[in-house]
N, C-alpha and C. Protein backbone atom coordinates (compact mmCIF):
# COMPACT_ATOMS: atom_id res chain seq x y z
N MET A 1 17.44 92.02 175.05
CA MET A 1 18.31 90.87 174.56
C MET A 1 18.29 90.99 172.95
N GLY A 2 19.50 90.82 172.29
CA GLY A 2 19.66 90.89 171.01
C GLY A 2 19.62 89.42 170.53
N ARG A 3 20.09 89.21 169.34
CA ARG A 3 20.12 87.91 168.54
C ARG A 3 21.31 87.22 168.97
N THR A 4 21.40 85.94 168.69
CA THR A 4 22.68 85.00 168.82
C THR A 4 23.03 84.74 167.47
N VAL A 5 24.24 84.96 167.08
CA VAL A 5 24.78 84.70 165.59
C VAL A 5 26.03 83.75 165.74
N ILE A 6 25.67 82.52 165.28
CA ILE A 6 26.72 81.49 165.45
C ILE A 6 27.36 81.36 163.99
N VAL A 7 28.71 81.66 163.94
CA VAL A 7 29.40 81.47 162.70
C VAL A 7 30.31 80.29 162.52
N GLY A 8 30.29 79.94 161.27
CA GLY A 8 31.15 78.65 160.94
C GLY A 8 32.54 79.05 160.81
N ASP A 9 33.40 78.16 160.47
CA ASP A 9 34.87 78.27 160.49
C ASP A 9 35.36 79.36 159.59
N VAL A 10 35.88 80.36 160.26
CA VAL A 10 36.36 81.56 159.64
C VAL A 10 37.79 81.51 158.86
N HIS A 11 38.66 80.76 159.68
CA HIS A 11 40.07 80.55 159.08
C HIS A 11 40.80 81.76 158.62
N GLY A 12 40.60 82.91 159.39
CA GLY A 12 41.38 84.14 159.05
C GLY A 12 40.78 84.86 157.89
N CYS A 13 39.48 84.44 157.47
CA CYS A 13 38.98 85.29 156.37
C CYS A 13 38.10 86.27 156.90
N THR A 14 38.87 87.49 157.46
CA THR A 14 38.26 88.55 158.02
C THR A 14 37.32 89.23 157.21
N SER A 15 37.63 89.53 155.87
CA SER A 15 36.65 90.40 155.13
C SER A 15 35.26 89.69 154.89
N GLU A 16 35.26 88.33 154.72
CA GLU A 16 34.18 87.56 154.76
C GLU A 16 33.33 87.60 156.02
N LEU A 17 34.04 87.65 157.26
CA LEU A 17 33.28 87.65 158.38
C LEU A 17 32.66 89.04 158.69
N GLU A 18 33.33 90.11 158.06
CA GLU A 18 32.78 91.37 158.08
C GLU A 18 31.63 91.53 157.21
N ASP A 19 31.84 90.83 155.97
CA ASP A 19 30.48 90.79 155.07
C ASP A 19 29.26 90.12 155.64
N LEU A 20 29.57 88.96 156.29
CA LEU A 20 28.41 88.18 156.93
C LEU A 20 27.70 88.96 157.93
N LEU A 21 28.53 89.64 158.84
CA LEU A 21 27.93 90.50 159.97
C LEU A 21 27.30 91.73 159.38
N ASP A 22 27.60 92.20 158.26
CA ASP A 22 26.93 93.34 157.63
C ASP A 22 25.70 92.85 157.06
N HIS A 23 25.77 91.59 156.29
CA HIS A 23 24.64 90.91 155.86
C HIS A 23 23.51 90.61 156.80
N VAL A 24 23.78 90.31 157.96
CA VAL A 24 22.64 89.97 158.85
C VAL A 24 22.38 91.16 159.77
N LYS A 25 22.99 92.30 159.60
CA LYS A 25 22.75 93.52 160.25
C LYS A 25 23.25 93.33 161.84
N PHE A 26 24.45 92.78 162.02
CA PHE A 26 24.84 92.52 163.33
C PHE A 26 24.82 93.86 164.10
N GLY A 27 24.16 94.01 165.29
CA GLY A 27 24.03 95.07 166.12
C GLY A 27 24.78 94.89 167.46
N GLY A 28 24.69 96.09 168.12
CA GLY A 28 25.34 96.10 169.57
C GLY A 28 24.76 95.18 170.56
N ALA A 29 23.56 94.87 170.45
CA ALA A 29 22.74 93.99 171.39
C ALA A 29 23.10 92.53 171.01
N ASP A 30 23.53 92.23 169.75
CA ASP A 30 23.65 90.84 169.36
C ASP A 30 24.90 90.28 170.01
N ARG A 31 24.86 88.84 169.92
CA ARG A 31 25.83 88.17 170.61
C ARG A 31 26.58 87.33 169.38
N LEU A 32 27.78 87.33 169.43
CA LEU A 32 28.73 86.58 168.41
C LEU A 32 29.23 85.23 168.95
N VAL A 33 29.05 84.13 168.44
CA VAL A 33 29.56 82.89 168.87
C VAL A 33 30.23 82.19 167.53
N LEU A 34 31.40 81.63 167.68
CA LEU A 34 32.06 80.94 166.55
C LEU A 34 32.48 79.61 166.82
N VAL A 35 32.44 78.73 165.90
CA VAL A 35 32.63 77.26 166.05
C VAL A 35 34.00 76.81 166.02
N GLY A 36 34.97 77.72 166.14
CA GLY A 36 36.43 77.33 166.11
C GLY A 36 36.97 77.52 164.73
N ASP A 37 38.33 77.22 164.83
CA ASP A 37 39.02 77.42 163.56
C ASP A 37 39.04 78.87 163.12
N LEU A 38 39.29 79.71 163.99
CA LEU A 38 39.33 81.22 163.68
C LEU A 38 40.43 81.56 162.72
N VAL A 39 41.48 80.84 162.95
CA VAL A 39 42.81 81.19 162.18
C VAL A 39 43.22 79.96 161.50
N VAL A 40 44.47 80.33 160.72
CA VAL A 40 45.26 79.36 159.79
C VAL A 40 44.41 79.12 158.56
N ARG A 41 45.29 79.01 157.39
CA ARG A 41 44.87 78.84 156.04
C ARG A 41 44.28 80.12 155.42
N GLY A 42 43.71 81.01 156.04
CA GLY A 42 43.22 82.23 155.53
C GLY A 42 44.12 83.33 155.65
N PRO A 43 43.80 84.44 155.12
CA PRO A 43 44.78 85.55 155.01
C PRO A 43 45.08 86.40 156.22
N ASP A 44 44.19 86.42 157.07
CA ASP A 44 44.30 87.45 158.12
C ASP A 44 43.85 87.14 159.51
N PRO A 45 44.85 86.30 160.18
CA PRO A 45 44.49 85.92 161.61
C PRO A 45 44.39 86.87 162.55
N HIS A 46 45.25 88.10 162.41
CA HIS A 46 45.21 89.21 163.37
C HIS A 46 43.89 89.87 163.24
N GLY A 47 43.32 90.03 162.06
CA GLY A 47 42.05 90.78 161.76
C GLY A 47 40.87 90.07 162.45
N THR A 48 41.00 88.72 162.13
CA THR A 48 39.81 87.95 162.82
C THR A 48 39.84 87.99 164.24
N LEU A 49 40.93 87.87 164.80
CA LEU A 49 40.95 87.80 166.39
C LEU A 49 40.67 89.17 166.88
N ALA A 50 41.06 90.20 166.32
CA ALA A 50 40.77 91.52 166.71
C ALA A 50 39.28 91.88 166.56
N LEU A 51 38.75 91.44 165.50
CA LEU A 51 37.20 91.70 165.28
C LEU A 51 36.39 90.92 166.23
N VAL A 52 36.76 89.67 166.54
CA VAL A 52 36.05 88.86 167.48
C VAL A 52 36.19 89.43 168.93
N ARG A 53 37.42 89.92 169.26
CA ARG A 53 37.55 90.55 170.62
C ARG A 53 36.87 91.79 170.75
N ARG A 54 36.86 92.73 169.62
CA ARG A 54 36.20 93.94 169.63
C ARG A 54 34.76 93.77 169.85
N LEU A 55 34.12 92.80 169.38
CA LEU A 55 32.64 92.50 169.38
C LEU A 55 32.32 91.78 170.58
N GLY A 56 33.32 91.39 171.49
CA GLY A 56 32.94 90.63 172.61
C GLY A 56 32.40 89.06 172.22
N GLY A 57 32.99 88.55 170.99
CA GLY A 57 32.47 87.31 170.72
C GLY A 57 33.10 86.25 171.61
N ARG A 58 32.42 85.22 171.51
CA ARG A 58 32.89 83.99 172.21
C ARG A 58 33.06 82.72 171.06
N ALA A 59 33.99 81.85 171.46
CA ALA A 59 34.27 80.78 170.40
C ALA A 59 34.64 79.60 171.17
N VAL A 60 34.46 78.42 170.50
CA VAL A 60 35.14 77.09 170.99
C VAL A 60 36.36 76.95 170.26
N ARG A 61 37.16 75.99 170.70
CA ARG A 61 38.46 75.56 170.31
C ARG A 61 38.22 74.77 169.11
N GLY A 62 39.08 75.04 167.88
CA GLY A 62 39.02 74.09 166.76
C GLY A 62 40.34 73.50 166.65
N ASN A 63 40.34 72.62 165.66
CA ASN A 63 41.61 71.64 165.57
C ASN A 63 42.85 72.48 165.19
N HIS A 64 42.66 73.56 164.51
CA HIS A 64 43.86 74.35 164.13
C HIS A 64 44.28 75.24 165.27
N GLU A 65 43.37 75.74 166.14
CA GLU A 65 44.04 76.32 167.55
C GLU A 65 44.61 75.27 168.29
N GLY A 66 44.17 73.94 168.34
CA GLY A 66 44.83 72.92 169.08
C GLY A 66 46.09 72.59 168.48
N LYS A 67 46.28 72.53 167.31
CA LYS A 67 47.66 72.45 166.75
C LYS A 67 48.60 73.57 167.23
N LEU A 68 48.16 74.72 167.16
CA LEU A 68 49.01 75.92 167.56
C LEU A 68 49.40 75.74 169.03
N LEU A 69 48.29 75.44 169.85
CA LEU A 69 48.57 75.43 171.34
C LEU A 69 49.54 74.23 171.62
N ALA A 70 49.36 73.21 170.98
CA ALA A 70 50.22 71.94 171.17
C ALA A 70 51.71 72.37 170.86
N TRP A 71 51.91 73.04 169.74
CA TRP A 71 53.16 73.47 169.28
C TRP A 71 53.94 74.42 170.41
N ARG A 72 53.00 75.40 170.95
CA ARG A 72 53.46 76.33 172.03
C ARG A 72 53.76 75.63 173.18
N ARG A 73 52.94 74.64 173.62
CA ARG A 73 53.07 73.92 175.00
C ARG A 73 54.07 72.83 175.10
N ARG A 74 54.04 72.07 173.94
CA ARG A 74 54.87 70.77 173.94
C ARG A 74 55.70 70.69 172.84
N HIS A 75 55.89 71.85 172.10
CA HIS A 75 56.88 71.75 170.93
C HIS A 75 56.55 70.68 169.90
N LYS A 76 55.31 70.33 169.80
CA LYS A 76 54.88 69.36 168.66
C LYS A 76 55.10 69.84 167.38
N PRO A 77 55.60 69.12 166.51
CA PRO A 77 55.89 69.64 165.10
C PRO A 77 54.52 70.18 164.27
N ILE A 78 54.66 71.33 163.65
CA ILE A 78 53.37 71.65 162.74
C ILE A 78 53.98 71.98 161.50
N GLY A 79 53.04 72.07 160.44
CA GLY A 79 53.33 72.28 159.07
C GLY A 79 53.50 73.90 158.84
N PRO A 80 53.94 74.22 157.73
CA PRO A 80 54.15 75.62 157.31
C PRO A 80 52.95 76.61 157.63
N ASP A 81 51.84 76.12 157.28
CA ASP A 81 50.70 76.94 157.44
C ASP A 81 50.46 77.50 158.94
N HIS A 82 50.79 76.55 159.76
CA HIS A 82 50.62 76.84 161.29
C HIS A 82 51.73 77.67 161.69
N GLU A 83 52.97 77.35 161.16
CA GLU A 83 54.20 78.02 161.65
C GLU A 83 53.93 79.53 161.29
N ARG A 84 53.37 79.70 160.05
CA ARG A 84 53.44 81.21 159.72
C ARG A 84 52.59 81.97 160.68
N VAL A 85 51.53 81.33 161.26
CA VAL A 85 50.66 82.00 162.20
C VAL A 85 51.34 82.07 163.55
N ALA A 86 51.94 80.86 163.86
CA ALA A 86 52.47 80.71 165.33
C ALA A 86 53.57 81.79 165.53
N HIS A 87 54.29 82.18 164.44
CA HIS A 87 55.33 83.02 164.71
C HIS A 87 55.03 84.48 164.66
N VAL A 88 53.79 84.74 164.35
CA VAL A 88 53.25 86.14 164.39
C VAL A 88 52.24 86.59 165.39
N LEU A 89 51.67 85.54 166.08
CA LEU A 89 50.67 85.77 167.19
C LEU A 89 51.39 86.41 168.36
N SER A 90 50.63 87.59 168.78
CA SER A 90 50.89 88.34 170.04
C SER A 90 50.70 87.58 171.29
N ASP A 91 51.22 88.07 172.34
CA ASP A 91 51.06 87.38 173.70
C ASP A 91 49.53 87.47 173.97
N ALA A 92 48.75 88.50 173.64
CA ALA A 92 47.32 88.71 173.77
C ALA A 92 46.57 87.82 172.89
N GLU A 93 47.01 87.51 171.77
CA GLU A 93 46.29 86.51 170.94
C GLU A 93 46.62 85.15 171.36
N TRP A 94 47.76 84.85 171.79
CA TRP A 94 47.86 83.58 172.43
C TRP A 94 46.84 83.31 173.63
N LYS A 95 46.80 84.31 174.42
CA LYS A 95 45.99 84.13 175.69
C LYS A 95 44.60 83.92 175.16
N MET A 96 44.13 84.63 174.12
CA MET A 96 42.85 84.42 173.55
C MET A 96 42.54 82.92 173.20
N LEU A 97 43.58 82.31 172.45
CA LEU A 97 43.41 80.98 172.01
C LEU A 97 43.51 80.10 173.25
N GLU A 98 44.33 80.28 174.12
CA GLU A 98 44.35 79.40 175.39
C GLU A 98 43.00 79.44 176.12
N ALA A 99 42.38 80.48 176.04
CA ALA A 99 41.16 80.60 176.87
C ALA A 99 39.94 79.85 176.14
N LEU A 100 40.00 79.38 174.97
CA LEU A 100 39.01 78.87 174.28
C LEU A 100 38.51 77.58 174.77
N PRO A 101 37.22 77.39 175.19
CA PRO A 101 36.62 76.02 175.75
C PRO A 101 36.53 75.06 174.60
N PHE A 102 36.31 73.77 175.03
CA PHE A 102 36.03 72.80 174.05
C PHE A 102 34.49 72.76 173.52
N TRP A 103 33.71 73.13 174.44
CA TRP A 103 32.41 73.26 174.05
C TRP A 103 31.83 74.55 174.75
N LEU A 104 30.49 75.01 174.30
CA LEU A 104 29.96 76.13 174.85
C LEU A 104 28.47 75.88 174.79
N ASP A 105 27.65 75.85 175.85
CA ASP A 105 26.30 75.75 175.93
C ASP A 105 25.50 76.92 176.01
N LEU A 106 24.52 77.04 175.20
CA LEU A 106 23.55 78.19 174.93
C LEU A 106 22.18 77.72 175.41
N PRO A 107 21.95 77.62 176.76
CA PRO A 107 20.65 76.82 177.21
C PRO A 107 19.32 77.52 176.65
N GLU A 108 19.57 78.98 176.50
CA GLU A 108 18.27 79.70 176.12
C GLU A 108 17.85 79.32 174.71
N HIS A 109 18.75 78.57 173.93
CA HIS A 109 18.38 78.19 172.55
C HIS A 109 18.35 76.78 172.52
N GLY A 110 18.57 75.95 173.57
CA GLY A 110 18.82 74.51 173.44
C GLY A 110 19.90 73.97 172.75
N VAL A 111 21.10 74.88 172.56
CA VAL A 111 22.19 74.67 171.66
C VAL A 111 23.43 74.25 172.48
N ARG A 112 24.27 73.40 171.93
CA ARG A 112 25.60 72.98 172.42
C ARG A 112 26.58 73.45 171.19
N VAL A 113 27.53 74.23 171.28
CA VAL A 113 28.36 74.44 170.20
C VAL A 113 29.73 73.64 170.48
N VAL A 114 30.16 72.97 169.52
CA VAL A 114 31.30 72.27 169.54
C VAL A 114 32.17 72.53 168.08
N HIS A 115 33.39 72.15 168.09
CA HIS A 115 33.96 72.38 166.70
C HIS A 115 33.75 71.24 165.74
N ALA A 116 33.86 70.02 166.16
CA ALA A 116 33.84 68.90 165.20
C ALA A 116 32.65 68.03 165.54
N GLY A 117 32.48 67.62 166.72
CA GLY A 117 31.37 66.71 167.12
C GLY A 117 31.35 66.11 168.43
N VAL A 118 30.31 65.47 168.65
CA VAL A 118 30.21 64.62 170.01
C VAL A 118 30.12 63.15 169.74
N ILE A 119 30.23 62.22 170.69
CA ILE A 119 30.17 60.77 170.75
C ILE A 119 28.74 60.46 171.15
N PRO A 120 27.99 60.10 170.18
CA PRO A 120 26.56 59.70 170.68
C PRO A 120 26.46 58.75 171.93
N GLY A 121 25.66 59.38 172.85
CA GLY A 121 25.41 58.61 174.07
C GLY A 121 26.40 58.78 175.13
N LEU A 122 27.42 59.50 174.93
CA LEU A 122 28.38 59.79 175.88
C LEU A 122 28.30 61.29 176.37
N PRO A 123 28.24 61.41 177.79
CA PRO A 123 28.15 62.62 178.29
C PRO A 123 29.40 63.63 177.91
N ILE A 124 29.05 64.76 177.59
CA ILE A 124 29.95 65.62 176.88
C ILE A 124 31.15 65.78 177.79
N HIS A 125 31.25 65.72 179.13
CA HIS A 125 32.44 65.90 179.87
C HIS A 125 33.24 64.54 179.78
N ARG A 126 32.66 63.43 179.29
CA ARG A 126 33.58 62.28 179.20
C ARG A 126 34.00 62.22 177.50
N VAL A 127 33.66 62.92 176.81
CA VAL A 127 34.17 62.98 175.36
C VAL A 127 35.58 63.43 175.42
N PRO A 128 36.51 62.85 174.71
CA PRO A 128 37.93 63.18 174.63
C PRO A 128 38.01 64.57 173.93
N PRO A 129 38.74 65.34 174.42
CA PRO A 129 38.94 66.63 173.87
C PRO A 129 39.47 66.69 172.43
N GLU A 130 40.27 65.70 171.99
CA GLU A 130 40.68 65.49 170.65
C GLU A 130 39.58 65.12 169.74
N ALA A 131 38.49 64.36 170.28
CA ALA A 131 37.25 64.04 169.51
C ALA A 131 36.49 65.38 169.19
N LEU A 132 36.39 66.17 170.20
CA LEU A 132 35.60 67.31 170.17
C LEU A 132 35.99 68.34 169.00
N ILE A 133 37.32 68.30 168.73
CA ILE A 133 37.98 69.14 167.74
C ILE A 133 38.36 68.52 166.56
N LYS A 134 38.28 67.15 166.33
CA LYS A 134 38.66 66.47 165.25
C LYS A 134 37.77 65.52 164.56
N MET A 135 36.79 64.97 165.26
CA MET A 135 36.07 63.78 164.74
C MET A 135 35.18 64.24 163.61
N ARG A 136 34.82 63.11 162.74
CA ARG A 136 33.79 63.26 161.58
C ARG A 136 32.86 62.09 161.69
N THR A 137 33.47 60.88 162.10
CA THR A 137 32.56 59.76 161.96
C THR A 137 32.80 59.00 163.38
N VAL A 138 31.89 58.05 163.57
CA VAL A 138 31.86 57.35 164.83
C VAL A 138 31.53 55.88 164.51
N ASP A 139 31.90 55.00 165.22
CA ASP A 139 31.56 53.59 165.12
C ASP A 139 31.41 52.95 166.50
N GLY A 140 30.21 52.93 167.10
CA GLY A 140 30.08 52.67 168.55
C GLY A 140 30.60 53.89 169.28
N ARG A 141 31.42 53.70 170.21
CA ARG A 141 32.26 54.75 171.00
C ARG A 141 33.61 55.07 170.40
N THR A 142 33.89 54.43 169.21
CA THR A 142 35.17 54.74 168.45
C THR A 142 35.05 55.84 167.63
N TRP A 143 35.65 56.85 167.71
CA TRP A 143 35.46 58.14 166.87
C TRP A 143 36.73 58.07 165.84
N SER A 144 36.59 58.74 164.78
CA SER A 144 37.51 58.85 163.76
C SER A 144 37.51 60.26 163.10
N ALA A 145 38.81 60.77 162.83
CA ALA A 145 38.79 62.05 162.16
C ALA A 145 38.56 61.97 160.58
N GLU A 146 38.45 60.85 160.08
CA GLU A 146 38.38 60.48 158.76
C GLU A 146 36.89 60.39 158.25
N GLY A 147 36.61 60.85 157.13
CA GLY A 147 35.18 60.95 156.75
C GLY A 147 34.53 59.78 156.15
N ASN A 148 35.43 58.63 156.02
CA ASN A 148 34.76 57.56 155.49
C ASN A 148 35.14 56.30 156.36
N ALA A 149 35.31 56.54 157.69
CA ALA A 149 35.56 55.37 158.65
C ALA A 149 34.39 54.99 159.31
N GLY A 150 33.18 55.49 158.82
CA GLY A 150 31.99 54.96 159.49
C GLY A 150 30.87 55.96 159.32
N PRO A 151 29.70 55.85 159.91
CA PRO A 151 28.75 57.02 159.73
C PRO A 151 29.01 58.29 160.29
N LEU A 152 28.53 59.42 159.79
CA LEU A 152 28.80 60.63 160.29
C LEU A 152 28.10 60.66 161.79
N TRP A 153 28.84 61.38 162.70
CA TRP A 153 28.49 61.13 164.09
C TRP A 153 27.00 61.75 164.18
N GLY A 154 26.77 62.82 163.41
CA GLY A 154 25.37 63.59 163.57
C GLY A 154 24.28 62.63 163.11
N THR A 155 24.40 61.64 162.28
CA THR A 155 23.41 60.83 161.93
C THR A 155 23.01 59.98 163.06
N LEU A 156 23.64 59.76 164.04
CA LEU A 156 23.56 58.76 165.13
C LEU A 156 23.14 59.54 166.30
N TYR A 157 23.53 60.90 166.54
CA TYR A 157 23.39 61.64 167.89
C TYR A 157 22.08 61.95 168.08
N LYS A 158 21.31 61.76 169.20
CA LYS A 158 20.03 62.09 169.59
C LYS A 158 20.11 63.14 170.79
N GLY A 159 19.55 64.25 170.59
CA GLY A 159 19.62 65.38 171.55
C GLY A 159 18.46 65.07 172.55
N PRO A 160 18.12 66.19 173.29
CA PRO A 160 18.90 67.46 173.28
C PRO A 160 20.14 67.33 173.94
N PRO A 161 20.93 68.47 174.00
CA PRO A 161 20.76 69.53 173.08
C PRO A 161 21.07 69.40 171.58
N HIS A 162 20.71 70.56 170.90
CA HIS A 162 20.96 70.62 169.47
C HIS A 162 22.50 71.00 169.43
N VAL A 163 23.24 70.26 168.68
CA VAL A 163 24.70 70.61 168.45
C VAL A 163 24.91 71.28 167.11
N VAL A 164 25.58 72.47 167.28
CA VAL A 164 25.94 73.29 166.03
C VAL A 164 27.56 73.11 165.93
N PHE A 165 27.89 72.72 164.88
CA PHE A 165 29.34 72.34 164.64
C PHE A 165 29.80 72.90 163.36
N GLY A 166 31.18 72.76 163.30
CA GLY A 166 31.88 73.21 162.02
C GLY A 166 32.79 72.02 161.66
N HIS A 167 33.97 72.37 161.15
CA HIS A 167 35.04 71.30 160.80
C HIS A 167 35.01 70.60 159.55
N ASN A 168 33.82 70.03 159.31
CA ASN A 168 33.75 68.91 158.25
C ASN A 168 33.19 69.73 156.95
N ALA A 169 34.24 70.48 156.37
CA ALA A 169 33.68 71.41 155.26
C ALA A 169 32.81 70.77 154.12
N HIS A 170 31.88 71.43 153.76
CA HIS A 170 30.94 70.92 152.88
C HIS A 170 30.30 72.11 152.16
N PRO A 171 30.08 71.96 150.65
CA PRO A 171 29.51 72.98 150.01
C PRO A 171 28.31 73.68 150.59
N GLY A 172 27.36 72.79 151.23
CA GLY A 172 26.15 73.30 152.10
C GLY A 172 26.16 73.01 153.42
N PRO A 173 25.35 73.42 154.24
CA PRO A 173 25.13 73.03 155.63
C PRO A 173 24.78 71.62 155.65
N ARG A 174 25.24 70.99 156.77
CA ARG A 174 24.88 69.52 157.11
C ARG A 174 23.63 69.63 158.03
N PHE A 175 22.68 68.87 157.72
CA PHE A 175 21.44 68.82 158.45
C PHE A 175 21.33 67.38 158.98
N HIS A 176 21.29 67.07 160.38
CA HIS A 176 21.04 66.08 160.99
C HIS A 176 19.82 66.29 161.89
N PRO A 177 19.20 65.22 162.44
CA PRO A 177 18.11 65.36 163.36
C PRO A 177 18.26 66.32 164.46
N TRP A 178 19.48 66.15 165.10
CA TRP A 178 19.78 66.88 166.33
C TRP A 178 20.94 67.68 166.24
N ALA A 179 21.49 67.98 165.01
CA ALA A 179 22.75 68.46 164.77
C ALA A 179 22.94 69.34 163.43
N THR A 180 23.45 70.44 163.45
CA THR A 180 23.62 71.13 162.19
C THR A 180 25.08 71.60 161.96
N GLY A 181 25.71 71.28 160.90
CA GLY A 181 27.11 71.69 160.40
C GLY A 181 27.11 72.90 159.68
N ILE A 182 27.93 73.95 160.03
CA ILE A 182 27.85 75.18 159.35
C ILE A 182 29.04 75.50 158.80
N ASP A 183 30.15 74.60 158.62
CA ASP A 183 31.30 74.99 157.87
C ASP A 183 30.99 74.65 156.30
N THR A 184 30.88 75.70 155.64
CA THR A 184 30.50 75.64 154.17
C THR A 184 31.92 76.10 153.35
N GLY A 185 32.94 75.94 154.08
CA GLY A 185 34.16 76.04 153.24
C GLY A 185 34.65 77.40 152.77
N CYS A 186 34.33 78.52 153.56
CA CYS A 186 34.85 79.81 152.96
C CYS A 186 36.19 79.90 152.56
N VAL A 187 37.22 79.33 153.31
CA VAL A 187 38.56 79.42 153.01
C VAL A 187 38.92 78.66 151.74
N TYR A 188 38.11 77.59 151.34
CA TYR A 188 38.22 76.94 150.17
C TYR A 188 37.58 77.62 148.89
N GLY A 189 37.08 78.70 149.09
CA GLY A 189 36.25 79.43 148.02
C GLY A 189 34.84 79.20 148.06
N GLY A 190 34.45 78.67 149.17
CA GLY A 190 32.75 78.52 149.35
C GLY A 190 32.04 79.63 149.89
N ARG A 191 31.36 79.26 151.05
CA ARG A 191 30.75 80.46 151.67
C ARG A 191 30.97 80.47 153.22
N LEU A 192 30.62 81.52 153.90
CA LEU A 192 30.70 81.66 155.21
C LEU A 192 29.25 81.83 155.77
N THR A 193 28.95 80.88 156.72
CA THR A 193 27.59 80.64 157.06
C THR A 193 27.29 80.96 158.54
N ALA A 194 26.00 81.44 158.78
CA ALA A 194 25.83 81.72 160.14
C ALA A 194 24.38 81.19 160.48
N LEU A 195 24.21 80.77 161.70
CA LEU A 195 22.99 80.35 162.28
C LEU A 195 22.39 81.65 163.07
N VAL A 196 21.34 82.19 162.80
CA VAL A 196 20.94 83.49 163.50
C VAL A 196 19.53 83.29 164.29
N LEU A 197 19.57 83.39 165.65
CA LEU A 197 18.55 83.08 166.46
C LEU A 197 18.10 84.29 167.09
N GLU A 198 16.75 84.54 167.19
CA GLU A 198 16.27 85.57 168.04
C GLU A 198 16.41 85.19 169.51
N ALA A 199 16.37 86.28 170.30
CA ALA A 199 16.59 85.92 171.79
C ALA A 199 15.60 84.88 172.34
N GLY A 200 16.11 83.81 172.90
CA GLY A 200 15.26 82.66 173.59
C GLY A 200 14.75 81.87 172.46
N GLU A 201 15.22 81.99 171.15
CA GLU A 201 14.46 81.08 170.11
C GLU A 201 15.25 79.83 170.04
N ALA A 202 14.47 78.59 170.09
CA ALA A 202 15.03 77.20 170.00
C ALA A 202 15.40 76.96 168.62
N VAL A 203 16.16 76.09 168.46
CA VAL A 203 16.76 75.55 166.86
C VAL A 203 15.77 74.42 166.68
N PRO A 204 15.10 74.48 165.49
CA PRO A 204 14.21 73.32 165.12
C PRO A 204 15.04 72.15 164.76
N ARG A 205 14.41 70.97 164.59
CA ARG A 205 15.08 69.73 164.06
C ARG A 205 15.24 69.64 162.77
N GLY A 206 16.24 68.92 162.21
CA GLY A 206 16.47 68.64 160.88
C GLY A 206 16.59 69.75 159.96
N THR A 207 16.06 69.66 158.89
CA THR A 207 16.20 70.68 157.65
C THR A 207 15.34 72.03 158.10
N LYS A 208 14.44 71.87 159.06
CA LYS A 208 13.76 73.13 159.31
C LYS A 208 14.66 74.24 159.89
N VAL A 209 15.88 74.08 160.29
CA VAL A 209 16.78 74.93 160.69
C VAL A 209 17.24 75.76 159.55
N ARG A 210 17.05 75.36 158.35
CA ARG A 210 17.53 76.10 157.17
C ARG A 210 17.03 77.64 157.16
N ARG A 211 15.95 77.78 157.66
CA ARG A 211 15.39 79.22 157.49
C ARG A 211 16.11 80.15 158.49
N PHE A 212 16.97 79.59 159.42
CA PHE A 212 17.64 80.42 160.38
C PHE A 212 19.21 80.66 159.76
N LEU A 213 19.49 80.14 158.69
CA LEU A 213 20.79 80.28 158.31
C LEU A 213 20.96 81.25 157.19
N GLU A 214 22.04 82.17 157.28
CA GLU A 214 22.45 83.12 156.28
C GLU A 214 23.91 82.90 155.94
N SER A 215 24.26 83.26 154.71
CA SER A 215 25.59 83.06 154.29
C SER A 215 26.07 84.24 153.21
N VAL A 216 27.41 84.21 153.20
CA VAL A 216 27.98 85.20 152.08
C VAL A 216 28.99 84.35 151.31
N PRO A 217 29.30 84.60 149.94
CA PRO A 217 30.25 84.00 149.43
C PRO A 217 31.70 84.38 149.70
N ALA A 218 32.61 83.41 149.62
CA ALA A 218 34.06 83.90 149.65
C ALA A 218 34.55 84.83 148.66
N ARG A 219 35.32 85.80 149.04
CA ARG A 219 35.81 86.63 148.00
C ARG A 219 36.62 85.98 147.05
N ARG A 220 37.32 84.92 147.43
CA ARG A 220 38.21 84.03 146.42
C ARG A 220 38.62 82.88 147.15
N ARG A 221 39.19 81.85 146.59
CA ARG A 221 39.68 80.69 147.09
C ARG A 221 41.11 80.99 147.81
N TYR A 222 41.06 80.83 148.98
CA TYR A 222 42.50 81.26 149.74
C TYR A 222 43.35 79.99 149.98
N TYR A 223 42.73 78.79 149.95
CA TYR A 223 43.48 77.49 150.35
C TYR A 223 42.89 76.39 149.55
N GLY A 224 43.83 75.46 149.21
CA GLY A 224 43.18 74.17 148.69
C GLY A 224 42.98 74.11 147.16
N GLY A 225 42.85 73.10 146.71
CA GLY A 225 42.51 72.97 145.24
C GLY A 225 41.85 71.62 144.92
N LYS A 226 42.03 70.94 143.65
CA LYS A 226 41.56 69.69 143.35
C LYS A 226 41.81 68.68 144.51
N GLY A 227 40.94 68.08 144.84
CA GLY A 227 41.16 67.02 145.82
C GLY A 227 41.10 67.57 147.35
N GLY A 228 40.73 68.73 147.48
CA GLY A 228 40.61 69.27 148.90
C GLY A 228 39.34 69.08 149.54
N PRO A 229 39.15 69.60 150.65
CA PRO A 229 37.88 69.31 151.35
C PRO A 229 36.63 69.65 150.55
N MET A 230 36.72 70.64 149.81
CA MET A 230 35.27 71.27 149.08
C MET A 230 35.21 70.28 147.84
N SER A 231 35.98 69.55 147.31
CA SER A 231 35.88 68.70 146.31
C SER A 231 35.51 67.47 146.56
N ARG A 232 35.40 66.98 147.83
CA ARG A 232 35.01 65.48 148.16
C ARG A 232 33.54 65.37 147.85
């Protein structure tokens, strides 16, 4: 058995994903897992999806995949960033997005992977799918996609399992007692981060997880500017 490499939000930054996998010396026995938002906002959605497929990677659904799928299924309006991707995806790429689950359990590591978060105290199968891909904060059982609508959900969540998530871009990883956020804003000019675990290795709680994290810098800022997610 090889290692498990859990990667933060890629957003079509294929070159940085390749840089990160080279940095951690990703090998044939290793397993690739991604926290969602594989595409949109970055330069190369086709390359990202092809690389994940070639490596046999697994991923959960992010809010950007959710927007694309809602447009395809229910003709819900989307913005220009999503339209550019929606109109160029192949049938095989659409099938890949449609197959993405809302969460993924890695019991050998005591880990649950979701894109955005979970509602503390609520069984995972009862958490609304929209919350799993969009939430940032929570007030009781009421979740919000806004970052200032209450405490961050991870500050209140008590595991196990340990939740590894993305979505809420931040210059550095987010450390909570039972949750670790690894969206370090690559598409905004930040870094692309991975949690690297040896076979059967459990994730430690809180900031102790820091020693399992590896990252590479973005080659440039692809999206956003002053006032964007990385400037909050």
